[in-house]
Protein backbone atom coordinates (compact mmCIF):
# COMPACT_ATOMS: atom_id res chain seq x y z
CA MET A 1 55.51 -22.67 21.89
CA ARG A 2 53.10 -23.18 24.50
CA VAL A 3 50.99 -20.41 23.99
CA LEU A 4 50.58 -21.44 20.11
CA LEU A 5 49.74 -24.94 21.30
CA THR A 6 47.20 -23.57 23.65
CA THR A 7 45.66 -21.01 21.10
CA LEU A 8 45.37 -23.75 18.42
CA LYS A 9 43.63 -26.03 20.99
CA LYS A 10 41.25 -23.39 21.79
CA ILE A 11 40.37 -22.38 18.29
CA PHE A 12 39.90 -26.24 17.43
CA PHE A 13 37.72 -26.93 20.34
CA TRP A 14 36.03 -23.33 20.30
CA ASN A 15 36.52 -22.25 24.09
CA TYR A 16 35.51 -18.64 23.25
CA ALA A 17 32.24 -17.19 24.68
CA ARG A 18 29.74 -15.38 22.49
CA ASN A 19 30.63 -12.03 23.86
CA THR A 20 34.36 -12.12 22.92
CA TRP A 21 36.17 -10.59 19.68
CA GLN A 22 36.88 -14.02 18.66
CA TRP A 23 33.47 -14.82 18.14
CA ASP A 24 32.77 -11.84 16.39
CA LEU A 25 35.56 -12.55 14.35
CA LEU A 26 34.03 -16.02 13.42
CA CYS A 27 30.91 -14.60 12.30
CA VAL A 28 32.39 -11.97 10.19
CA VAL A 29 34.68 -14.90 8.39
CA CYS A 30 31.39 -17.20 7.98
CA LEU A 31 29.63 -14.13 6.58
CA VAL A 32 32.28 -13.34 4.29
CA PHE A 33 32.59 -17.14 2.95
CA ILE A 34 28.83 -17.24 2.35
CA PHE A 35 28.49 -13.81 0.48
CA LEU A 36 31.99 -13.70 -1.46
CA THR A 37 32.15 -17.55 -2.25
CA PRO A 38 32.09 -17.82 -6.25
CA LYS A 39 29.33 -20.23 -7.20
CA THR A 40 31.60 -22.31 -9.41
CA TRP A 41 33.20 -23.72 -6.32
CA PHE A 42 30.01 -25.75 -5.63
CA GLU A 43 29.03 -26.87 -9.21
CA ASN A 44 29.34 -30.35 -9.91
CA GLY A 45 30.64 -31.68 -13.13
CA GLU A 46 27.75 -34.07 -13.54
CA ARG A 47 25.16 -31.25 -13.34
CA ARG A 48 22.72 -31.30 -16.20
CA GLY A 49 20.89 -28.35 -17.75
CA ALA A 50 17.86 -26.26 -16.36
CA GLY A 51 15.14 -28.87 -17.63
CA ALA A 52 17.06 -32.11 -16.69
CA HIS A 53 14.75 -32.70 -13.58
CA GLN A 54 11.80 -33.33 -15.88
CA ASN A 55 11.87 -36.95 -17.16
CA ALA A 56 10.29 -38.34 -20.00
CA VAL A 57 8.27 -40.87 -18.30
CA PRO A 58 4.54 -40.93 -19.20
CA THR A 59 2.10 -39.84 -16.61
CA THR A 60 -1.56 -41.05 -16.67
CA VAL A 61 -4.47 -38.57 -16.35
CA VAL A 62 -8.06 -40.28 -15.99
CA LEU A 63 -11.14 -38.88 -17.72
CA VAL A 64 -14.75 -39.41 -16.98
CA PRO A 65 -16.61 -41.05 -20.09
CA GLU A 66 -18.58 -37.88 -20.41
CA VAL A 67 -15.67 -35.73 -21.60
CA VAL A 68 -14.51 -38.45 -24.11
CA VAL A 69 -16.90 -38.86 -26.75
CA ASN A 70 -14.81 -41.07 -29.45
CA GLU A 71 -11.96 -42.95 -27.44
CA SER A 72 -10.06 -43.04 -31.08
CA ASP A 73 -10.26 -39.24 -31.52
CA THR A 74 -6.96 -38.33 -29.80
CA ALA A 75 -7.00 -34.75 -30.93
CA LYS A 76 -9.94 -34.51 -28.92
CA ILE A 77 -8.79 -36.11 -26.07
CA GLU A 78 -5.54 -34.21 -26.23
CA GLN A 79 -7.43 -31.05 -26.03
CA GLN A 80 -9.40 -32.28 -22.74
CA VAL A 81 -6.17 -33.40 -21.11
CA ARG A 82 -4.45 -29.78 -21.83
CA LEU A 83 -7.76 -28.31 -20.37
CA VAL A 84 -7.54 -30.57 -17.40
CA THR A 85 -3.84 -30.51 -16.40
CA GLY A 86 -3.07 -26.80 -17.56
CA ARG A 87 -0.28 -28.17 -19.63
CA ASN A 88 -0.15 -26.76 -23.14
CA ASP A 89 2.54 -29.29 -24.30
CA ALA A 90 0.74 -32.56 -23.14
CA LYS A 91 0.82 -34.96 -25.74
CA VAL A 92 -1.33 -38.15 -25.68
CA LEU A 93 0.57 -41.20 -25.91
CA LYS A 94 -2.04 -44.01 -25.39
CA VAL A 95 -5.96 -44.30 -24.34
CA ARG A 96 -7.19 -47.25 -22.39
CA LYS A 97 -10.75 -47.70 -21.40
CA VAL A 98 -11.47 -48.52 -17.86
CA VAL A 99 -14.70 -50.86 -17.80
CA ALA A 100 -16.59 -51.77 -14.79
CA ASP A 101 -17.63 -55.23 -14.00
CA ASP A 102 -21.14 -54.76 -15.50
CA GLY A 103 -19.64 -53.74 -18.63
CA ARG A 104 -20.31 -49.97 -18.92
CA THR A 105 -17.38 -47.37 -19.40
CA ILE A 106 -16.33 -45.77 -16.16
CA GLY A 107 -13.58 -43.64 -17.46
CA PHE A 108 -10.61 -43.46 -19.56
CA GLU A 109 -6.92 -43.63 -18.53
CA VAL A 110 -4.91 -41.33 -20.80
CA ASP A 111 -0.94 -41.64 -20.82
CA ILE A 112 0.52 -38.18 -21.42
CA GLN A 113 4.12 -36.79 -21.99
């Protein structure tokens, strides 16, 4: 009984040195666990699909006034936004003119999704 208690105490507090067979056995057990554990053990029931991390919150892009000829022409603005962002699926939601204190247009804020 005393031997069993001593062994359990050694295992629990891990009194083995690195160059012992017990250490080697622990390393093998860890590697077996890492490589042979099914992925389903770590799946969460609340996990969503692959694209779930992408949210539908609009992003704002600022365009210089030289690029925007007509602020009501959303097709041209959408084309410029796709060119600037590299996103072919970008859709223009709203266009706002940014005006300086002296009244000149200094840019356009474009909300995209």
